[in-house]
Amino acid sequence: MSRKQKKPAQDSIGATPEEQELQLKRDEIQSLSEQLAEAELELTNLRFNIKQFTCRYYQEIGRKYLELDELKARIAEERNKLAPLDREKSGEALLLRAAAEKIRSEVEDEEESEELHHFNPTDELKRMYRQCAAKIHPDKVLDPKFKEICHRLMAELNAAYARGDISKIREISLEWDSNSELVSGEGVAFDLVRAIRSLAQIRMRLSTIKSEIEDLKELDMYTLMLEVELAEHQGMDLLGLLGKRIDENIRLSREILDDLLAGRDRNV
């Protein structure tokens, strides 16, 4: 008795090779999108952490350095008054005054963003950010119109994350899911090209994020932040100790300035 010859089974339930390749690319996009969302979160948190520490630094130390630099500038100016023709003293006074004004500007700029000092994202906030960023990231799309929508939503997502606004993040995610303009289809061949290009963009963005994180970790403020955190784990207040040293320098500088002013008054 003859047996019927079975037809060879087709992979992926009859999918063509192009459709199979497209599915592989879409799976890869999904995986890389999750990595991209995680990388964006790491970069965002690193920026916020450095910003928070910078605010703390200027609150606890910056004002002290400002006072000290102001005293140094005044001491140099008073000494210059005693020898107005001395170019070296005149130049020193100008440089110290410029340094004092520079740190004044830095302190004032940081005090304007003091609210970031209290930013402390919850695990739920981070999870919502990852999920939303994985869906709306601009580097997943190619069409300029869609990319513009993604850039807007990504900016809103970052702002909502900074505020700790989970409701807004849900709203952004819902807007993306319900936007009919983002639904398109022009055939497997076009979809495959879009998928390949999307993968290239995602990989490029991952590389850029890696470089940005490396650059941030090269900052002196980041290094100081790690040193302060390590000292705190060991029960030491590194910024407090630094503040005490600056306070002592302020005290000595005040004595010098007072002596200069007293001598000037005696000579009047």
C-alpha atoms as a PDB file:
ATOM      1  CA  MET A   1       0.000   0.000   0.000  1.00  0.00           C
ATOM      2  CA  SER A   2       1.418   3.277  -1.069  1.00  0.00           C
ATOM      3  CA  ARG A   3       1.652   6.104   1.377  1.00  0.00           C
ATOM      4  CA  LYS A   4       0.896   9.688   0.453  1.00  0.00           C
ATOM      5  CA  GLN A   5       4.002  11.794   0.251  1.00  0.00           C
ATOM      6  CA  LYS A   6       3.913  14.573   2.834  1.00  0.00           C
ATOM      7  CA  LYS A   7       4.612  18.090   1.731  1.00  0.00           C
ATOM      8  CA  PRO A   8       7.690  19.587   3.319  1.00  0.00           C
ATOM      9  CA  ALA A   9       6.765  21.710   6.311  1.00  0.00           C
ATOM     10  CA  GLN A  10       7.277  25.420   5.821  1.00  0.00           C
ATOM     11  CA  ASP A  11       9.038  27.350   8.550  1.00  0.00           C
ATOM     12  CA  SER A  12       6.994  29.803  10.557  1.00  0.00           C
ATOM     13  CA  ILE A  13       3.730  28.328   9.270  1.00  0.00           C
ATOM     14  CA  GLY A  14       4.208  29.062   5.595  1.00  0.00           C
ATOM     15  CA  ALA A  15       6.149  32.299   5.926  1.00  0.00           C
ATOM     16  CA  THR A  16       8.335  33.253   2.981  1.00  0.00           C
ATOM     17  CA  PRO A  17      12.089  33.668   3.514  1.00  0.00           C
ATOM     18  CA  GLU A  18      11.618  37.442   3.424  1.00  0.00           C
ATOM     19  CA  GLU A  19       8.905  37.255   6.079  1.00  0.00           C
ATOM     20  CA  GLN A  20      11.086  35.020   8.234  1.00  0.00           C
ATOM     21  CA  GLU A  21      13.973  37.458   7.916  1.00  0.00           C
ATOM     22  CA  LEU A  22      11.665  40.347   8.729  1.00  0.00           C
ATOM     23  CA  GLN A  23      10.488  38.569  11.880  1.00  0.00           C
ATOM     24  CA  LEU A  24      14.103  37.981  12.926  1.00  0.00           C
ATOM     25  CA  LYS A  25      14.826  41.665  12.422  1.00  0.00           C
ATOM     26  CA  ARG A  26      11.742  42.661  14.387  1.00  0.00           C
ATOM     27  CA  ASP A  27      12.775  40.359  17.236  1.00  0.00           C
ATOM     28  CA  GLU A  28      16.224  41.942  17.182  1.00  0.00           C
ATOM     29  CA  ILE A  29      14.671  45.416  17.187  1.00  0.00           C
ATOM     30  CA  GLN A  30      12.584  44.438  20.209  1.00  0.00           C
ATOM     31  CA  SER A  31      15.650  43.180  22.064  1.00  0.00           C
ATOM     32  CA  LEU A  32      17.798  46.201  21.176  1.00  0.00           C
ATOM     33  CA  SER A  33      14.916  48.543  22.004  1.00  0.00           C
ATOM     34  CA  GLU A  34      14.866  47.160  25.536  1.00  0.00           C
ATOM     35  CA  GLN A  35      18.641  47.645  25.753  1.00  0.00           C
ATOM     36  CA  LEU A  36      18.238  51.166  24.396  1.00  0.00           C
ATOM     37  CA  ALA A  37      15.561  52.026  26.952  1.00  0.00           C
ATOM     38  CA  GLU A  38      17.803  50.712  29.728  1.00  0.00           C
ATOM     39  CA  ALA A  39      20.758  52.717  28.375  1.00  0.00           C
ATOM     40  CA  GLU A  40      18.663  55.892  28.126  1.00  0.00           C
ATOM     41  CA  LEU A  41      17.565  55.363  31.724  1.00  0.00           C
ATOM     42  CA  GLU A  42      21.170  54.875  32.860  1.00  0.00           C
ATOM     43  CA  LEU A  43      22.244  58.052  31.067  1.00  0.00           C
ATOM     44  CA  THR A  44      19.291  60.038  32.421  1.00  0.00           C
ATOM     45  CA  ASN A  45      19.899  58.852  35.996  1.00  0.00           C
ATOM     46  CA  LEU A  46      23.625  59.558  35.727  1.00  0.00           C
ATOM     47  CA  ARG A  47      22.925  63.099  34.554  1.00  0.00           C
ATOM     48  CA  PHE A  48      20.450  63.637  37.386  1.00  0.00           C
ATOM     49  CA  ASN A  49      22.786  62.153  39.985  1.00  0.00           C
ATOM     50  CA  ILE A  50      25.639  64.402  38.901  1.00  0.00           C
ATOM     51  CA  LYS A  51      23.273  67.367  38.806  1.00  0.00           C
ATOM     52  CA  GLN A  52      21.955  66.556  42.276  1.00  0.00           C
ATOM     53  CA  PHE A  53      25.455  66.248  43.670  1.00  0.00           C
ATOM     54  CA  THR A  54      26.505  69.462  41.947  1.00  0.00           C
ATOM     55  CA  CYS A  55      23.579  71.259  43.602  1.00  0.00           C
ATOM     56  CA  ARG A  56      24.554  69.785  46.951  1.00  0.00           C
ATOM     57  CA  TYR A  57      28.208  70.732  46.418  1.00  0.00           C
ATOM     58  CA  TYR A  58      27.388  74.347  45.660  1.00  0.00           C
ATOM     59  CA  GLN A  59      24.967  74.537  48.574  1.00  0.00           C
ATOM     60  CA  GLU A  60      27.461  73.169  51.104  1.00  0.00           C
ATOM     61  CA  ILE A  61      30.789  74.242  49.584  1.00  0.00           C
ATOM     62  CA  GLY A  62      30.196  76.670  46.734  1.00  0.00           C
ATOM     63  CA  ARG A  63      29.066  79.541  48.932  1.00  0.00           C
ATOM     64  CA  LYS A  64      32.123  79.078  51.134  1.00  0.00           C
ATOM     65  CA  TYR A  65      34.452  79.163  48.138  1.00  0.00           C
ATOM     66  CA  LEU A  66      32.631  82.261  46.931  1.00  0.00           C
ATOM     67  CA  GLU A  67      33.212  84.001  50.263  1.00  0.00           C
ATOM     68  CA  LEU A  68      36.863  82.931  50.293  1.00  0.00           C
ATOM     69  CA  ASP A  69      37.494  84.076  46.706  1.00  0.00           C
ATOM     70  CA  GLU A  70      35.776  87.375  47.445  1.00  0.00           C
ATOM     71  CA  LEU A  71      38.098  87.902  50.427  1.00  0.00           C
ATOM     72  CA  LYS A  72      41.153  87.004  48.336  1.00  0.00           C
ATOM     73  CA  ALA A  73      40.095  89.479  45.667  1.00  0.00           C
ATOM     74  CA  ARG A  74      39.586  92.235  48.237  1.00  0.00           C
ATOM     75  CA  ILE A  75      42.976  91.498  49.835  1.00  0.00           C
ATOM     76  CA  ALA A  76      44.665  91.747  46.427  1.00  0.00           C
ATOM     77  CA  GLU A  77      42.807  94.994  45.662  1.00  0.00           C
ATOM     78  CA  GLU A  78      43.827  96.522  48.983  1.00  0.00           C
ATOM     79  CA  ARG A  79      47.442  95.541  48.410  1.00  0.00           C
ATOM     80  CA  ASN A  80      47.255  97.048  44.951  1.00  0.00           C
ATOM     81  CA  LYS A  81      46.050 100.310  46.485  1.00  0.00           C
ATOM     82  CA  LEU A  82      49.213 100.376  48.576  1.00  0.00           C
ATOM     83  CA  ALA A  83      51.321  99.976  45.425  1.00  0.00           C
ATOM     84  CA  PRO A  84      49.194 101.282  42.524  1.00  0.00           C
ATOM     85  CA  LEU A  85      52.116 101.239  40.081  1.00  0.00           C
ATOM     86  CA  ASP A  86      52.960  97.603  40.753  1.00  0.00           C
ATOM     87  CA  ARG A  87      51.725  95.783  37.628  1.00  0.00           C
ATOM     88  CA  GLU A  88      52.084  92.384  39.227  1.00  0.00           C
ATOM     89  CA  LYS A  89      49.804  93.311  42.128  1.00  0.00           C
ATOM     90  CA  SER A  90      47.379  94.966  39.738  1.00  0.00           C
ATOM     91  CA  GLY A  91      47.238  91.872  37.537  1.00  0.00           C
ATOM     92  CA  GLU A  92      46.766  89.590  40.528  1.00  0.00           C
ATOM     93  CA  ALA A  93      43.877  91.715  41.780  1.00  0.00           C
ATOM     94  CA  LEU A  94      42.171  91.541  38.391  1.00  0.00           C
ATOM     95  CA  LEU A  95      42.600  87.767  38.140  1.00  0.00           C
ATOM     96  CA  LEU A  96      41.278  87.133  41.634  1.00  0.00           C
ATOM     97  CA  ARG A  97      38.307  89.414  41.045  1.00  0.00           C
ATOM     98  CA  ALA A  98      37.504  87.541  37.831  1.00  0.00           C
ATOM     99  CA  ALA A  99      37.743  84.212  39.704  1.00  0.00           C
ATOM    100  CA  ALA A 100      35.369  85.490  42.390  1.00  0.00           C
ATOM    101  CA  GLU A 101      32.843  86.637  39.787  1.00  0.00           C
ATOM    102  CA  LYS A 102      33.097  83.299  37.979  1.00  0.00           C
ATOM    103  CA  ILE A 103      32.285  81.261  41.052  1.00  0.00           C
ATOM    104  CA  ARG A 104      29.500  83.718  41.953  1.00  0.00           C
ATOM    105  CA  SER A 105      27.903  83.045  38.577  1.00  0.00           C
ATOM    106  CA  GLU A 106      28.287  79.269  39.035  1.00  0.00           C
ATOM    107  CA  VAL A 107      26.742  79.351  42.507  1.00  0.00           C
ATOM    108  CA  GLU A 108      23.788  81.452  41.365  1.00  0.00           C
ATOM    109  CA  ASP A 109      23.173  79.186  38.351  1.00  0.00           C
ATOM    110  CA  GLU A 110      23.157  76.076  40.544  1.00  0.00           C
ATOM    111  CA  GLU A 111      20.868  77.652  43.126  1.00  0.00           C
ATOM    112  CA  GLU A 112      18.303  78.249  40.376  1.00  0.00           C
ATOM    113  CA  SER A 113      18.089  74.473  39.800  1.00  0.00           C
ATOM    114  CA  GLU A 114      18.070  73.529  43.489  1.00  0.00           C
ATOM    115  CA  GLU A 115      14.818  71.587  43.148  1.00  0.00           C
ATOM    116  CA  LEU A 116      16.691  68.751  41.388  1.00  0.00           C
ATOM    117  CA  HIS A 117      18.447  68.013  44.667  1.00  0.00           C
ATOM    118  CA  HIS A 118      15.340  66.170  45.860  1.00  0.00           C
ATOM    119  CA  PHE A 119      14.885  63.936  42.780  1.00  0.00           C
ATOM    120  CA  ASN A 120      14.782  60.274  43.847  1.00  0.00           C
ATOM    121  CA  PRO A 121      13.121  57.998  41.236  1.00  0.00           C
ATOM    122  CA  THR A 122      11.204  54.974  42.502  1.00  0.00           C
ATOM    123  CA  ASP A 123      11.512  51.488  40.979  1.00  0.00           C
ATOM    124  CA  GLU A 124       7.998  51.894  39.543  1.00  0.00           C
ATOM    125  CA  LEU A 125       8.983  55.173  37.876  1.00  0.00           C
ATOM    126  CA  LYS A 126      12.079  53.574  36.355  1.00  0.00           C
ATOM    127  CA  ARG A 127      10.044  50.598  35.096  1.00  0.00           C
ATOM    128  CA  MET A 128       7.455  52.869  33.477  1.00  0.00           C
ATOM    129  CA  TYR A 129      10.208  54.932  31.868  1.00  0.00           C
ATOM    130  CA  ARG A 130      11.875  51.821  30.385  1.00  0.00           C
ATOM    131  CA  GLN A 131       8.604  50.487  28.967  1.00  0.00           C
ATOM    132  CA  CYS A 132       7.591  53.801  27.429  1.00  0.00           C
ATOM    133  CA  ALA A 133      11.051  54.633  26.061  1.00  0.00           C
ATOM    134  CA  ALA A 134      11.279  51.210  24.416  1.00  0.00           C
ATOM    135  CA  LYS A 135       8.104  52.002  22.463  1.00  0.00           C
ATOM    136  CA  ILE A 136       8.549  55.639  21.498  1.00  0.00           C
ATOM    137  CA  HIS A 137      12.296  56.060  21.033  1.00  0.00           C
ATOM    138  CA  PRO A 138      12.941  58.217  17.918  1.00  0.00           C
ATOM    139  CA  ASP A 139      15.753  55.981  16.685  1.00  0.00           C
ATOM    140  CA  LYS A 140      13.287  53.154  16.050  1.00  0.00           C
ATOM    141  CA  VAL A 141      11.532  55.026  13.225  1.00  0.00           C
ATOM    142  CA  LEU A 142      12.667  56.383   9.860  1.00  0.00           C
ATOM    143  CA  ASP A 143       9.782  58.481   8.570  1.00  0.00           C
ATOM    144  CA  PRO A 144      10.486  62.183   9.372  1.00  0.00           C
ATOM    145  CA  LYS A 145       6.861  62.772  10.375  1.00  0.00           C
ATOM    146  CA  PHE A 146       6.861  59.850  12.786  1.00  0.00           C
ATOM    147  CA  LYS A 147      10.329  60.732  14.065  1.00  0.00           C
ATOM    148  CA  GLU A 148       9.093  64.237  14.923  1.00  0.00           C
ATOM    149  CA  ILE A 149       6.252  62.713  16.957  1.00  0.00           C
ATOM    150  CA  CYS A 150       8.727  60.440  18.724  1.00  0.00           C
ATOM    151  CA  HIS A 151      11.085  63.303  19.565  1.00  0.00           C
ATOM    152  CA  ARG A 152       8.184  65.265  21.068  1.00  0.00           C
ATOM    153  CA  LEU A 153       6.989  62.313  23.118  1.00  0.00           C
ATOM    154  CA  MET A 154      10.529  61.458  24.237  1.00  0.00           C
ATOM    155  CA  ALA A 155      11.049  65.028  25.446  1.00  0.00           C
ATOM    156  CA  GLU A 156       7.744  64.850  27.338  1.00  0.00           C
ATOM    157  CA  LEU A 157       8.774  61.470  28.787  1.00  0.00           C
ATOM    158  CA  ASN A 158      12.093  62.827  30.074  1.00  0.00           C
ATOM    159  CA  ALA A 159      10.342  65.844  31.592  1.00  0.00           C
ATOM    160  CA  ALA A 160       7.738  63.604  33.252  1.00  0.00           C
ATOM    161  CA  TYR A 161      10.473  61.337  34.597  1.00  0.00           C
ATOM    162  CA  ALA A 162      12.297  64.327  36.077  1.00  0.00           C
ATOM    163  CA  ARG A 163       9.079  65.354  37.853  1.00  0.00           C
ATOM    164  CA  GLY A 164       8.315  61.793  38.955  1.00  0.00           C
ATOM    165  CA  ASP A 165       4.980  62.042  37.127  1.00  0.00           C
ATOM    166  CA  ILE A 166       3.881  58.429  36.508  1.00  0.00           C
ATOM    167  CA  SER A 167       0.421  59.517  35.311  1.00  0.00           C
ATOM    168  CA  LYS A 168       1.978  61.602  32.543  1.00  0.00           C
ATOM    169  CA  ILE A 169       4.173  58.680  31.478  1.00  0.00           C
ATOM    170  CA  ARG A 170       1.066  56.475  31.202  1.00  0.00           C
ATOM    171  CA  GLU A 171      -0.615  59.209  29.156  1.00  0.00           C
ATOM    172  CA  ILE A 172       2.368  59.382  26.775  1.00  0.00           C
ATOM    173  CA  SER A 173       2.355  55.604  26.369  1.00  0.00           C
ATOM    174  CA  LEU A 174      -1.393  55.613  25.652  1.00  0.00           C
ATOM    175  CA  GLU A 175      -0.999  58.406  23.088  1.00  0.00           C
ATOM    176  CA  TRP A 176       1.564  56.316  21.248  1.00  0.00           C
ATOM    177  CA  ASP A 177      -0.561  53.156  21.320  1.00  0.00           C
ATOM    178  CA  SER A 178      -3.680  54.951  20.066  1.00  0.00           C
ATOM    179  CA  ASN A 179      -2.037  57.067  17.337  1.00  0.00           C
ATOM    180  CA  SER A 180      -3.402  55.727  14.047  1.00  0.00           C
ATOM    181  CA  GLU A 181      -0.856  57.750  12.051  1.00  0.00           C
ATOM    182  CA  LEU A 182       1.855  55.394  13.290  1.00  0.00           C
ATOM    183  CA  VAL A 183       0.224  52.379  11.597  1.00  0.00           C
ATOM    184  CA  SER A 184       1.649  51.773   8.136  1.00  0.00           C
ATOM    185  CA  GLY A 185       2.334  48.873   5.792  1.00  0.00           C
ATOM    186  CA  GLU A 186       3.748  48.799   2.304  1.00  0.00           C
ATOM    187  CA  GLY A 187       4.821  45.197   1.926  1.00  0.00           C
ATOM    188  CA  VAL A 188       7.449  42.887   3.332  1.00  0.00           C
ATOM    189  CA  ALA A 189      10.313  44.245   1.227  1.00  0.00           C
ATOM    190  CA  PHE A 190       9.786  47.819   2.425  1.00  0.00           C
ATOM    191  CA  ASP A 191       9.265  46.641   6.013  1.00  0.00           C
ATOM    192  CA  LEU A 192      12.522  44.694   5.847  1.00  0.00           C
ATOM    193  CA  VAL A 193      14.449  47.750   4.636  1.00  0.00           C
ATOM    194  CA  ARG A 194      12.896  49.856   7.401  1.00  0.00           C
ATOM    195  CA  ALA A 195      13.785  47.217   9.982  1.00  0.00           C
ATOM    196  CA  ILE A 196      17.416  47.076   8.821  1.00  0.00           C
ATOM    197  CA  ARG A 197      17.726  50.853   8.934  1.00  0.00           C
ATOM    198  CA  SER A 198      16.021  51.019  12.329  1.00  0.00           C
ATOM    199  CA  LEU A 199      18.531  48.533  13.681  1.00  0.00           C
ATOM    200  CA  ALA A 200      21.376  50.679  12.368  1.00  0.00           C
ATOM    201  CA  GLN A 201      19.921  53.770  14.076  1.00  0.00           C
ATOM    202  CA  ILE A 202      19.399  51.966  17.370  1.00  0.00           C
ATOM    203  CA  ARG A 203      22.961  50.641  17.353  1.00  0.00           C
ATOM    204  CA  MET A 204      24.260  54.120  16.576  1.00  0.00           C
ATOM    205  CA  ARG A 205      22.286  55.610  19.471  1.00  0.00           C
ATOM    206  CA  LEU A 206      23.553  52.898  21.835  1.00  0.00           C
ATOM    207  CA  SER A 207      27.106  53.776  20.817  1.00  0.00           C
ATOM    208  CA  THR A 208      26.408  57.491  21.372  1.00  0.00           C
ATOM    209  CA  ILE A 209      24.942  56.840  24.824  1.00  0.00           C
ATOM    210  CA  LYS A 210      27.985  54.767  25.750  1.00  0.00           C
ATOM    211  CA  SER A 211      30.270  57.649  24.758  1.00  0.00           C
ATOM    212  CA  GLU A 212      28.147  60.184  26.673  1.00  0.00           C
ATOM    213  CA  ILE A 213      28.246  58.038  29.816  1.00  0.00           C
ATOM    214  CA  GLU A 214      32.018  57.678  29.510  1.00  0.00           C
ATOM    215  CA  ASP A 215      32.364  61.466  29.111  1.00  0.00           C
ATOM    216  CA  LEU A 216      30.209  62.105  32.189  1.00  0.00           C
ATOM    217  CA  LYS A 217      32.326  59.699  34.214  1.00  0.00           C
ATOM    218  CA  GLU A 218      35.428  61.706  33.238  1.00  0.00           C
ATOM    219  CA  LEU A 219      34.053  64.827  34.956  1.00  0.00           C
ATOM    220  CA  ASP A 220      35.785  66.004  38.133  1.00  0.00           C
ATOM    221  CA  MET A 221      32.367  66.399  39.757  1.00  0.00           C
ATOM    222  CA  TYR A 222      31.558  62.722  39.089  1.00  0.00           C
ATOM    223  CA  THR A 223      34.879  61.647  40.634  1.00  0.00           C
ATOM    224  CA  LEU A 224      34.216  63.815  43.680  1.00  0.00           C
ATOM    225  CA  MET A 225      30.687  62.419  43.950  1.00  0.00           C
ATOM    226  CA  LEU A 226      32.044  58.856  44.098  1.00  0.00           C
ATOM    227  CA  GLU A 227      34.637  59.862  46.698  1.00  0.00           C
ATOM    228  CA  VAL A 228      31.970  61.521  48.846  1.00  0.00           C
ATOM    229  CA  GLU A 229      29.644  58.503  48.557  1.00  0.00           C
ATOM    230  CA  LEU A 230      32.462  56.112  49.473  1.00  0.00           C
ATOM    231  CA  ALA A 231      33.400  58.261  52.473  1.00  0.00           C
ATOM    232  CA  GLU A 232      29.753  58.339  53.613  1.00  0.00           C
ATOM    233  CA  HIS A 233      29.606  54.533  53.513  1.00  0.00           C
ATOM    234  CA  GLN A 234      32.657  54.587  55.793  1.00  0.00           C
ATOM    235  CA  GLY A 235      30.984  57.037  58.179  1.00  0.00           C
ATOM    236  CA  MET A 236      32.906  60.120  57.022  1.00  0.00           C
ATOM    237  CA  ASP A 237      31.565  63.481  55.902  1.00  0.00           C
ATOM    238  CA  LEU A 238      34.035  64.475  53.184  1.00  0.00           C
ATOM    239  CA  LEU A 239      32.193  67.662  52.230  1.00  0.00           C
ATOM    240  CA  GLY A 240      31.928  68.601  55.891  1.00  0.00           C
ATOM    241  CA  LEU A 241      35.694  68.241  56.345  1.00  0.00           C
ATOM    242  CA  LEU A 242      36.321  70.274  53.211  1.00  0.00           C
ATOM    243  CA  GLY A 243      33.930  72.934  54.479  1.00  0.00           C
ATOM    244  CA  LYS A 244      35.830  73.185  57.764  1.00  0.00           C
ATOM    245  CA  ARG A 245      39.120  73.712  55.938  1.00  0.00           C
ATOM    246  CA  ILE A 246      37.562  76.446  53.835  1.00  0.00           C
ATOM    247  CA  ASP A 247      36.098  78.059  56.971  1.00  0.00           C
ATOM    248  CA  GLU A 248      39.590  78.206  58.471  1.00  0.00           C
ATOM    249  CA  ASN A 249      40.963  79.815  55.311  1.00  0.00           C
ATOM    250  CA  ILE A 250      38.100  82.305  55.421  1.00  0.00           C
ATOM    251  CA  ARG A 251      38.971  83.171  59.023  1.00  0.00           C
ATOM    252  CA  LEU A 252      42.649  83.724  58.156  1.00  0.00           C
ATOM    253  CA  SER A 253      41.769  85.783  55.075  1.00  0.00           C
ATOM    254  CA  ARG A 254      39.452  87.991  57.113  1.00  0.00           C
ATOM    255  CA  GLU A 255      42.278  88.661  59.557  1.00  0.00           C
ATOM    256  CA  ILE A 256      44.587  89.647  56.701  1.00  0.00           C
ATOM    257  CA  LEU A 257      41.958  91.919  55.177  1.00  0.00           C
ATOM    258  CA  ASP A 258      41.166  93.503  58.549  1.00  0.00           C
ATOM    259  CA  ASP A 259      44.875  94.243  59.082  1.00  0.00           C
ATOM    260  CA  LEU A 260      45.144  95.808  55.637  1.00  0.00           C
ATOM    261  CA  LEU A 261      42.071  97.972  56.218  1.00  0.00           C
ATOM    262  CA  ALA A 262      43.269  98.967  59.680  1.00  0.00           C
ATOM    263  CA  GLY A 263      46.686  99.957  58.277  1.00  0.00           C
ATOM    264  CA  ARG A 264      45.061 101.946  55.515  1.00  0.00           C
ATOM    265  CA  ASP A 265      42.892 103.812  58.020  1.00  0.00           C
ATOM    266  CA  ARG A 266      45.945 104.649  60.129  1.00  0.00           C
ATOM    267  CA  ASN A 267      47.672 106.074  57.077  1.00  0.00           C
ATOM    268  CA  VAL A 268      44.746 108.265  56.109  1.00  0.00           C
END
